[in-house]
Amino acid sequence: MKSKPFSGAGATQGLETYLVGGAVRDLLLGRTTHEHDYVVVGASVEEMLARGFRQVGKDFPVFLHPENQDEYALARTERKTAPGYRGFQVQAHPDVMLEEDLLRRDLTVNAMAMAADGRVIDPHGGLVDLEARILRHVSPAFAEDPVRILRLARLATRFVGLGFRIAEETLELTRAMVAAGEVDALVPDRVWQEMSRALGEERPARFFEVLRDCGALARLLPEIDRLWGVPQTQKWHPEIDTGVHVMMVLDMAARISPELEVRFAALCHDLGKGATPPEILPSHHGHEERGLPMVEAICDRFRVPNRCRELARLTAAEHGRIHKVDELRTGTVLDLFERTDAFRRPERFEQLLVACEADFRGRGDHAERSYPQADVWRRLLEAAAAVDTGTIARAAREPRLIHQRIRAARLEAIGRVRPDLS
């Protein structure tokens, strides 16, 4: 099969190079690809350096092109030597064949190469699986690297809209890997890297569903895994199951916001429901407070960026009150503004409102409903923020009086707006 060829010149002149991996897959799917990785057959480290390539990393013979910075790797084989994803011995020398290099890759759809003239080299059935929309491991060596479970889940997430499914034998292999403890060797930074990339997809819930299906979610994110099977009041949650609800909220967050912080907050907003005392189910009174230590645990475990941690905490703690703005006293509204630092960080408060909208619409038949509570909060914040605090501060001078008078002025401003909203 032929496709649009790539160009190569200068430093690569005379080298046997092939475009490989996801770039080939995406070209064949007609998708835009931004990363171009190449494999070089028959060359040595010394030859690559002599041509002006810059070697990067210590574990693999990977080089950056001196002009366009594309990655070129020497054809290599790998042998498992220890548990985890770092326990590999790499062999890269001029005698390694292209087919051997492709055999070490994870999925058949990623184990194709494209020559400079557009010819596709497909020794492992990638084209057939691409046509059938199947994600299938290339060889049993897939089980040697636990990162591949994360990448499989992320790829299933990226292509869920194209109808891709995971081959049953590949799912069985991932389950065996989890049972063998391979997932426990994953380092936090790599888990977050893959998770955050999955959160950026159009339907990120698929990532967590795949991890749950193979048992990895219970090992990596038990706070989320335990939400499935936890009932909610059907009147407010026609979907009943908390895990199903959280996935609906996550996909809704992706639909209405491109921001990682909002999507992560949606994922974590109901963690406390997994710890609700059985005797009060399906009610979840107090789940907001119960969820906060779980948000912190996930963020600590995977070194989640502070901007994501902060919004996730606020959403977990405040989403119930945000939904019930019409029932709150004026003082409670102002308390919430102060607690969320809304006057100094209105952009983060806006993210909170978007995450809460995703929570409201991510249930039953609510997907196309409006969320008027957000507009109410925006108008209340606008009114309170319009108070001239500088004039008040100059007049009062004493710090205690300044706070009291600013608060009184803001309460009055909120109170004037609220009748217009009823």
Protein backbone atom coordinates (compact mmCIF):
# COMPACT_ATOMS: atom_id res chain seq x y z
CA MET A 1 0.00 0.00 0.00
CA LYS A 2 1.25 3.48 -0.77
CA SER A 3 0.57 6.78 0.91
CA LYS A 4 1.95 10.27 0.73
CA PRO A 5 5.75 10.04 0.98
CA PHE A 6 7.82 12.11 3.33
CA SER A 7 10.90 14.08 2.34
CA GLY A 8 14.39 13.59 3.60
CA ALA A 9 17.67 15.19 2.61
CA GLY A 10 20.85 16.66 3.95
CA ALA A 11 21.95 14.75 7.03
CA THR A 12 19.90 11.69 6.04
CA GLN A 13 21.26 11.42 2.51
CA GLY A 14 22.27 7.80 1.92
CA LEU A 15 20.75 6.50 5.15
CA GLU A 16 18.08 3.78 5.13
CA THR A 17 15.36 5.58 7.03
CA TYR A 18 11.68 4.85 7.61
CA LEU A 19 8.86 6.81 9.14
CA VAL A 20 7.45 4.66 11.96
CA GLY A 21 4.87 4.41 14.71
CA GLY A 22 1.91 6.69 15.27
CA ALA A 23 2.79 8.97 12.37
CA VAL A 24 2.28 6.13 9.88
CA ARG A 25 -0.93 5.08 11.57
CA ASP A 26 -2.34 8.59 11.51
CA LEU A 27 -1.37 9.17 7.88
CA LEU A 28 -3.21 6.02 6.90
CA LEU A 29 -6.23 7.16 8.90
CA GLY A 30 -6.17 10.54 7.17
CA ARG A 31 -5.44 12.33 10.42
CA THR A 32 -3.05 15.21 10.95
CA THR A 33 0.16 14.13 12.62
CA HIS A 34 2.47 16.55 14.38
CA GLU A 35 5.24 14.20 15.49
CA HIS A 36 7.45 12.37 13.02
CA ASP A 37 9.65 9.57 14.34
CA TYR A 38 12.07 7.69 12.13
CA VAL A 39 14.07 4.50 12.44
CA VAL A 40 17.46 4.14 10.80
CA VAL A 41 18.57 0.71 9.63
CA GLY A 42 22.21 -0.24 9.09
CA ALA A 43 23.83 2.76 10.81
CA SER A 44 25.91 3.17 13.95
CA VAL A 45 26.03 5.78 16.71
CA GLU A 46 29.31 7.05 15.36
CA GLU A 47 27.92 7.54 11.86
CA MET A 48 24.89 9.44 13.17
CA LEU A 49 27.09 11.77 15.21
CA ALA A 50 29.39 12.31 12.24
CA ARG A 51 26.39 13.44 10.19
CA GLY A 52 25.57 16.14 12.74
CA PHE A 53 22.80 14.38 14.64
CA ARG A 54 22.61 15.12 18.37
CA GLN A 55 22.16 12.12 20.64
CA VAL A 56 19.51 12.47 23.36
CA GLY A 57 18.90 10.24 26.35
CA LYS A 58 21.18 7.62 27.80
CA ASP A 59 19.10 4.46 27.50
CA PHE A 60 18.27 4.40 23.79
CA PRO A 61 20.18 5.38 20.62
CA VAL A 62 17.86 8.26 19.71
CA PHE A 63 19.05 11.34 17.83
CA LEU A 64 17.69 14.73 16.83
CA HIS A 65 18.01 15.83 13.21
CA PRO A 66 20.39 18.81 13.00
CA GLU A 67 17.92 20.87 10.96
CA ASN A 68 14.30 19.99 11.81
CA GLN A 69 14.79 18.30 15.22
CA ASP A 70 12.79 15.22 14.20
CA GLU A 71 13.70 12.07 16.14
CA TYR A 72 15.74 9.34 14.47
CA ALA A 73 16.38 6.09 16.34
CA LEU A 74 18.69 3.28 15.36
CA ALA A 75 16.87 0.02 14.72
CA ARG A 76 16.98 -1.92 17.96
CA THR A 77 15.82 -4.94 19.87
CA GLU A 78 14.92 -5.09 23.56
CA ARG A 79 15.19 -7.82 26.18
CA LYS A 80 13.41 -7.79 29.54
CA THR A 81 15.87 -7.94 32.45
CA ALA A 82 13.90 -6.69 35.49
CA PRO A 83 10.34 -5.80 36.58
CA GLY A 84 8.79 -2.49 35.58
CA TYR A 85 9.17 -0.38 32.49
CA ARG A 86 12.84 0.46 33.00
CA GLY A 87 14.09 -3.10 33.19
CA PHE A 88 15.22 -3.54 29.59
CA GLN A 89 18.47 -4.29 27.83
CA VAL A 90 18.67 -2.54 24.47
CA GLN A 91 20.61 -3.87 21.52
CA ALA A 92 21.16 -1.37 18.68
CA HIS A 93 23.63 -2.16 15.94
CA PRO A 94 23.75 -2.07 12.13
CA ASP A 95 22.67 -5.72 11.82
CA VAL A 96 19.20 -5.19 13.37
CA MET A 97 16.54 -5.51 10.69
CA LEU A 98 13.52 -3.23 10.31
CA GLU A 99 11.14 -6.14 10.99
CA GLU A 100 12.94 -6.87 14.27
CA ASP A 101 12.58 -3.24 15.33
CA LEU A 102 8.86 -3.23 14.51
CA LEU A 103 8.35 -6.48 16.43
CA ARG A 104 9.28 -4.79 19.72
CA ARG A 105 6.51 -2.19 19.36
CA ASP A 106 3.28 -2.30 21.30
CA LEU A 107 0.31 -2.53 18.91
CA THR A 108 0.04 -3.76 15.35
CA VAL A 109 -1.33 -0.41 14.18
CA ASN A 110 1.84 1.18 15.57
CA ALA A 111 4.16 -1.46 14.10
CA MET A 112 4.17 -0.24 10.51
CA ALA A 113 6.84 1.71 8.68
CA MET A 114 6.76 3.91 5.60
CA ALA A 115 9.63 4.21 3.15
CA ALA A 116 10.60 7.48 1.52
CA ASP A 117 8.65 6.53 -1.61
CA GLY A 118 5.44 5.98 0.37
CA ARG A 119 5.59 2.17 0.54
CA VAL A 120 4.12 0.77 3.74
CA ILE A 121 6.04 -2.06 5.41
CA ASP A 122 3.63 -4.07 7.52
CA PRO A 123 5.04 -7.36 8.78
CA HIS A 124 2.62 -7.76 11.71
CA GLY A 125 -0.86 -7.18 10.29
CA GLY A 126 -1.28 -3.54 11.20
CA LEU A 127 -3.16 -2.63 8.03
CA VAL A 128 -5.77 -5.33 8.58
CA ASP A 129 -6.31 -4.24 12.19
CA LEU A 130 -6.44 -0.61 11.14
CA GLU A 131 -9.21 -1.39 8.68
CA ALA A 132 -11.07 -3.48 11.27
CA ARG A 133 -10.56 -0.79 13.95
CA ILE A 134 -8.84 -3.19 16.34
CA LEU A 135 -6.09 -2.44 18.85
CA ARG A 136 -4.05 -5.63 19.19
CA HIS A 137 -0.65 -6.29 20.73
CA VAL A 138 2.15 -7.20 18.35
CA SER A 139 3.70 -9.98 20.43
CA PRO A 140 3.78 -11.39 23.98
CA ALA A 141 6.57 -8.88 24.66
CA PHE A 142 3.76 -6.33 25.19
CA ALA A 143 3.54 -7.75 28.73
CA GLU A 144 7.08 -6.67 29.52
CA ASP A 145 6.27 -2.95 29.79
CA PRO A 146 3.42 -1.76 32.07
CA VAL A 147 3.42 1.68 30.42
CA ARG A 148 1.84 -0.05 27.45
CA ILE A 149 -1.36 -0.54 29.44
CA LEU A 150 -1.61 3.23 29.86
CA ARG A 151 -0.79 3.84 26.21
CA LEU A 152 -3.35 1.26 25.11
CA ALA A 153 -6.01 2.98 27.21
CA ARG A 154 -5.03 6.38 25.85
CA LEU A 155 -5.08 5.20 22.25
CA ALA A 156 -8.48 3.57 22.80
CA THR A 157 -9.61 6.95 24.13
CA ARG A 158 -8.21 8.92 21.21
CA PHE A 159 -9.88 6.67 18.64
CA VAL A 160 -13.15 5.85 20.42
CA GLY A 161 -14.99 8.11 17.97
CA LEU A 162 -13.66 6.05 15.07
CA GLY A 163 -15.05 2.85 16.51
CA PHE A 164 -11.79 1.25 17.64
CA ARG A 165 -12.02 -1.61 20.11
CA ILE A 166 -9.42 -3.58 22.01
CA ALA A 167 -8.84 -7.19 20.95
CA GLU A 168 -10.03 -9.61 23.63
CA GLU A 169 -6.66 -11.37 23.73
CA THR A 170 -4.98 -8.02 24.39
CA LEU A 171 -7.37 -7.28 27.24
CA GLU A 172 -6.63 -10.69 28.71
CA LEU A 173 -2.93 -9.98 28.48
CA THR A 174 -3.31 -6.65 30.30
CA ARG A 175 -5.30 -8.38 33.05
CA ALA A 176 -2.52 -10.90 33.48
CA MET A 177 -0.01 -8.05 33.69
CA VAL A 178 -2.02 -6.38 36.44
CA ALA A 179 -2.33 -9.66 38.33
CA ALA A 180 1.44 -10.12 38.08
CA GLY A 181 2.02 -6.72 39.73
CA GLU A 182 3.53 -5.01 36.69
CA VAL A 183 1.34 -1.94 37.14
CA ASP A 184 2.74 -1.41 40.63
CA ALA A 185 6.12 -0.59 39.07
CA LEU A 186 4.80 2.46 37.20
CA VAL A 187 6.32 5.74 38.32
CA PRO A 188 3.97 8.63 39.23
CA ASP A 189 5.21 11.06 36.60
CA ARG A 190 4.55 8.62 33.77
CA VAL A 191 1.05 7.81 35.02
CA TRP A 192 0.16 11.51 35.19
CA GLN A 193 1.69 12.14 31.78
CA GLU A 194 -0.55 9.52 30.17
CA MET A 195 -3.59 10.45 32.26
CA SER A 196 -3.33 14.16 31.47
CA ARG A 197 -2.98 13.41 27.76
CA ALA A 198 -6.06 11.20 27.94
CA LEU A 199 -7.96 13.96 29.73
CA GLY A 200 -7.27 16.14 26.72
CA GLU A 201 -9.18 13.83 24.39
CA GLU A 202 -12.75 14.31 23.21
CA ARG A 203 -14.16 11.48 25.34
CA PRO A 204 -11.68 10.97 28.20
CA ALA A 205 -13.94 8.62 30.18
CA ARG A 206 -12.85 5.80 27.88
CA PHE A 207 -9.34 5.90 29.39
CA PHE A 208 -10.61 5.12 32.87
CA GLU A 209 -13.08 2.53 31.61
CA VAL A 210 -10.28 0.61 29.88
CA LEU A 211 -8.12 0.75 33.00
CA ARG A 212 -11.05 -0.51 35.05
CA ASP A 213 -11.73 -3.33 32.61
CA CYS A 214 -8.22 -4.73 33.01
CA GLY A 215 -8.00 -4.11 36.76
CA ALA A 216 -5.39 -1.36 36.58
CA LEU A 217 -7.74 1.36 37.84
CA ALA A 218 -8.11 -0.37 41.21
CA ARG A 219 -4.33 -0.37 41.60
CA LEU A 220 -3.65 3.15 40.35
CA LEU A 221 -6.81 5.07 41.30
CA PRO A 222 -8.78 3.06 43.89
CA GLU A 223 -10.64 6.23 44.88
CA ILE A 224 -12.23 6.30 41.43
CA ASP A 225 -12.54 2.55 40.92
CA ARG A 226 -14.68 2.12 44.05
CA LEU A 227 -17.33 4.54 42.75
CA TRP A 228 -18.83 1.89 40.46
CA GLY A 229 -21.69 0.09 42.16
CA VAL A 230 -22.32 2.90 44.64
CA PRO A 231 -26.00 3.92 44.29
CA GLN A 232 -27.36 7.47 44.19
CA THR A 233 -30.89 8.77 44.58
CA GLN A 234 -32.68 8.08 41.32
CA LYS A 235 -34.65 11.33 41.46
CA TRP A 236 -31.46 13.35 41.02
CA HIS A 237 -29.39 10.70 39.26
CA PRO A 238 -31.36 8.60 36.77
CA GLU A 239 -28.14 6.73 35.98
CA ILE A 240 -28.01 5.69 39.69
CA ASP A 241 -24.45 4.28 39.62
CA THR A 242 -21.88 6.83 40.87
CA GLY A 243 -19.10 5.52 38.63
CA VAL A 244 -21.30 5.87 35.56
CA HIS A 245 -22.22 9.40 36.66
CA VAL A 246 -18.60 10.50 37.13
CA MET A 247 -17.70 9.24 33.65
CA MET A 248 -20.67 11.14 32.20
CA VAL A 249 -19.54 14.27 34.03
CA LEU A 250 -15.99 13.85 32.75
CA ASP A 251 -17.13 13.54 29.14
CA MET A 252 -19.45 16.52 29.60
CA ALA A 253 -16.55 18.57 30.99
CA ALA A 254 -14.57 17.67 27.87
CA ARG A 255 -17.50 18.75 25.74
CA ILE A 256 -17.82 22.20 27.30
CA SER A 257 -14.24 23.03 28.26
CA PRO A 258 -10.79 22.41 26.75
CA GLU A 259 -9.05 23.09 30.07
CA LEU A 260 -7.20 20.28 31.85
CA GLU A 261 -8.03 21.76 35.25
CA VAL A 262 -11.78 21.60 34.61
CA ARG A 263 -11.62 18.04 33.34
CA PHE A 264 -9.54 16.82 36.26
CA ALA A 265 -11.90 18.56 38.69
CA ALA A 266 -14.84 16.80 37.04
CA LEU A 267 -13.08 13.47 37.50
CA CYS A 268 -12.52 14.09 41.21
CA HIS A 269 -15.69 15.95 42.21
CA ASP A 270 -17.58 13.00 43.76
CA LEU A 271 -14.81 10.89 45.27
CA GLY A 272 -16.39 11.15 48.70
CA LYS A 273 -19.38 9.09 47.57
CA GLY A 274 -17.12 6.06 47.54
CA ALA A 275 -16.79 6.38 51.31
CA THR A 276 -20.45 7.04 52.18
CA PRO A 277 -21.58 4.93 55.16
CA PRO A 278 -23.72 2.07 53.79
CA GLU A 279 -26.53 2.77 56.22
CA ILE A 280 -27.34 6.17 54.68
CA LEU A 281 -27.24 5.09 51.01
CA PRO A 282 -28.43 6.16 48.49
CA SER A 283 -28.06 9.54 50.23
CA HIS A 284 -24.55 10.97 50.26
CA HIS A 285 -24.76 13.66 52.93
CA GLY A 286 -21.30 15.02 53.69
CA HIS A 287 -19.62 13.49 50.64
CA GLU A 288 -18.05 16.83 49.74
CA GLU A 289 -15.94 16.88 52.90
CA ARG A 290 -15.19 13.16 52.72
CA GLY A 291 -13.83 13.58 49.23
CA LEU A 292 -11.19 16.20 50.06
CA PRO A 293 -8.58 13.81 51.54
CA MET A 294 -9.03 11.58 48.49
CA VAL A 295 -8.40 14.48 46.12
CA GLU A 296 -5.23 15.24 48.06
CA ALA A 297 -4.16 11.60 48.00
CA ILE A 298 -4.46 11.36 44.20
CA CYS A 299 -2.67 14.66 43.69
CA ASP A 300 0.14 13.66 46.05
CA ARG A 301 0.48 10.21 44.51
CA PHE A 302 0.86 11.44 40.94
CA ARG A 303 2.39 14.88 41.57
CA VAL A 304 -0.55 16.60 39.96
CA PRO A 305 0.12 20.29 39.14
CA ASN A 306 -1.12 22.72 41.77
CA ARG A 307 -3.54 24.45 39.40
CA CYS A 308 -5.34 21.12 38.91
CA ARG A 309 -5.21 20.26 42.61
CA GLU A 310 -6.68 23.59 43.66
CA LEU A 311 -9.64 23.47 41.30
CA ALA A 312 -10.33 19.82 42.11
CA ARG A 313 -10.42 20.66 45.82
CA LEU A 314 -12.75 23.59 45.29
CA THR A 315 -15.08 21.60 43.06
CA ALA A 316 -15.23 18.65 45.44
CA ALA A 317 -15.94 20.95 48.39
CA GLU A 318 -18.31 23.47 46.84
CA HIS A 319 -20.29 21.83 44.01
CA GLY A 320 -23.29 21.13 46.23
CA ARG A 321 -23.58 24.77 47.28
CA ILE A 322 -22.96 26.03 43.75
CA HIS A 323 -25.95 23.97 42.55
CA LYS A 324 -28.18 25.40 45.32
CA VAL A 325 -27.44 29.10 44.90
CA ASP A 326 -31.16 29.96 45.06
CA GLU A 327 -31.36 28.44 48.54
CA LEU A 328 -28.33 30.15 50.05
CA ARG A 329 -28.42 33.14 52.35
CA THR A 330 -26.61 36.26 51.21
CA GLY A 331 -23.94 35.75 53.85
CA THR A 332 -23.34 32.20 52.68
CA VAL A 333 -22.89 33.45 49.12
CA LEU A 334 -20.27 35.95 50.24
CA ASP A 335 -18.56 33.32 52.40
CA LEU A 336 -18.23 31.12 49.36
CA PHE A 337 -16.73 33.95 47.32
CA GLU A 338 -14.18 34.57 50.05
CA ARG A 339 -13.44 30.89 50.58
CA THR A 340 -12.77 30.35 46.88
CA ASP A 341 -10.77 33.58 46.56
CA ALA A 342 -13.17 34.62 43.81
CA PHE A 343 -12.41 38.35 44.03
CA ARG A 344 -8.70 37.87 43.40
CA ARG A 345 -9.00 34.86 41.10
CA PRO A 346 -12.21 35.25 39.11
CA GLU A 347 -10.84 33.10 36.27
CA ARG A 348 -10.53 30.13 38.64
CA PHE A 349 -14.04 30.76 39.98
CA GLU A 350 -15.25 30.63 36.38
CA GLN A 351 -13.55 27.25 36.00
CA LEU A 352 -15.39 26.11 39.14
CA LEU A 353 -18.70 27.10 37.59
CA VAL A 354 -17.89 25.20 34.40
CA ALA A 355 -16.96 22.08 36.36
CA CYS A 356 -20.24 22.35 38.28
CA GLU A 357 -22.15 22.74 35.03
CA ALA A 358 -20.55 19.50 33.83
CA ASP A 359 -21.69 17.82 37.05
CA PHE A 360 -25.26 19.04 36.56
CA ARG A 361 -25.46 18.06 32.89
CA GLY A 362 -23.56 14.79 33.26
CA ARG A 363 -26.54 12.73 34.35
CA GLY A 364 -29.59 11.01 32.90
CA ASP A 365 -31.35 13.25 30.41
CA HIS A 366 -29.67 16.48 31.55
CA ALA A 367 -27.08 16.70 28.80
CA GLU A 368 -28.90 19.35 26.76
CA ARG A 369 -30.33 21.29 29.71
CA SER A 370 -29.20 24.78 30.61
CA TYR A 371 -27.44 25.53 33.88
CA PRO A 372 -28.82 28.89 35.05
CA GLN A 373 -27.02 28.67 38.38
CA ALA A 374 -23.77 29.63 36.69
CA ASP A 375 -25.19 32.91 35.39
CA VAL A 376 -26.64 33.69 38.81
CA TRP A 377 -23.22 33.25 40.40
CA ARG A 378 -21.60 35.39 37.73
CA ARG A 379 -24.00 38.26 38.34
CA LEU A 380 -23.59 38.01 42.10
CA LEU A 381 -19.81 38.04 41.82
CA GLU A 382 -19.91 40.96 39.41
CA ALA A 383 -22.03 42.97 41.87
CA ALA A 384 -19.86 42.15 44.88
CA ALA A 385 -16.61 42.77 43.00
CA ALA A 386 -17.84 46.20 41.89
CA VAL A 387 -17.69 47.50 45.47
CA ASP A 388 -15.11 50.28 45.71
CA THR A 389 -12.85 48.69 48.32
CA GLY A 390 -10.16 51.32 47.92
CA THR A 391 -12.45 54.16 49.00
CA ILE A 392 -13.71 52.11 51.94
CA ALA A 393 -10.16 51.27 53.03
CA ARG A 394 -9.03 54.88 52.90
CA ALA A 395 -12.02 56.01 54.95
CA ALA A 396 -11.88 53.29 57.59
CA ARG A 397 -8.08 53.04 57.99
CA GLU A 398 -8.25 50.51 60.86
CA PRO A 399 -7.81 46.97 59.41
CA ARG A 400 -10.65 45.46 61.44
CA LEU A 401 -13.08 48.15 60.33
CA ILE A 402 -11.90 47.92 56.73
CA HIS A 403 -12.82 44.23 56.57
CA GLN A 404 -16.16 44.76 58.28
CA ARG A 405 -17.18 47.63 56.03
CA ILE A 406 -16.06 45.95 52.81
CA ARG A 407 -17.99 42.85 53.81
CA ALA A 408 -21.07 44.92 54.66
CA ALA A 409 -20.87 46.72 51.31
CA ARG A 410 -20.55 43.47 49.43
CA LEU A 411 -23.47 41.93 51.30
CA GLU A 412 -25.55 44.95 50.37
CA ALA A 413 -24.49 44.68 46.71
CA ILE A 414 -25.38 40.98 46.60
CA GLY A 415 -28.68 41.68 48.30
CA ARG A 416 -29.62 44.31 45.72
CA VAL A 417 -29.02 41.90 42.84
CA ARG A 418 -30.76 38.85 44.27
CA PRO A 419 -34.36 40.11 43.93
CA ASP A 420 -33.72 40.72 40.23
CA LEU A 421 -32.73 37.08 39.86
CA SER A 422 -35.80 35.57 41.46
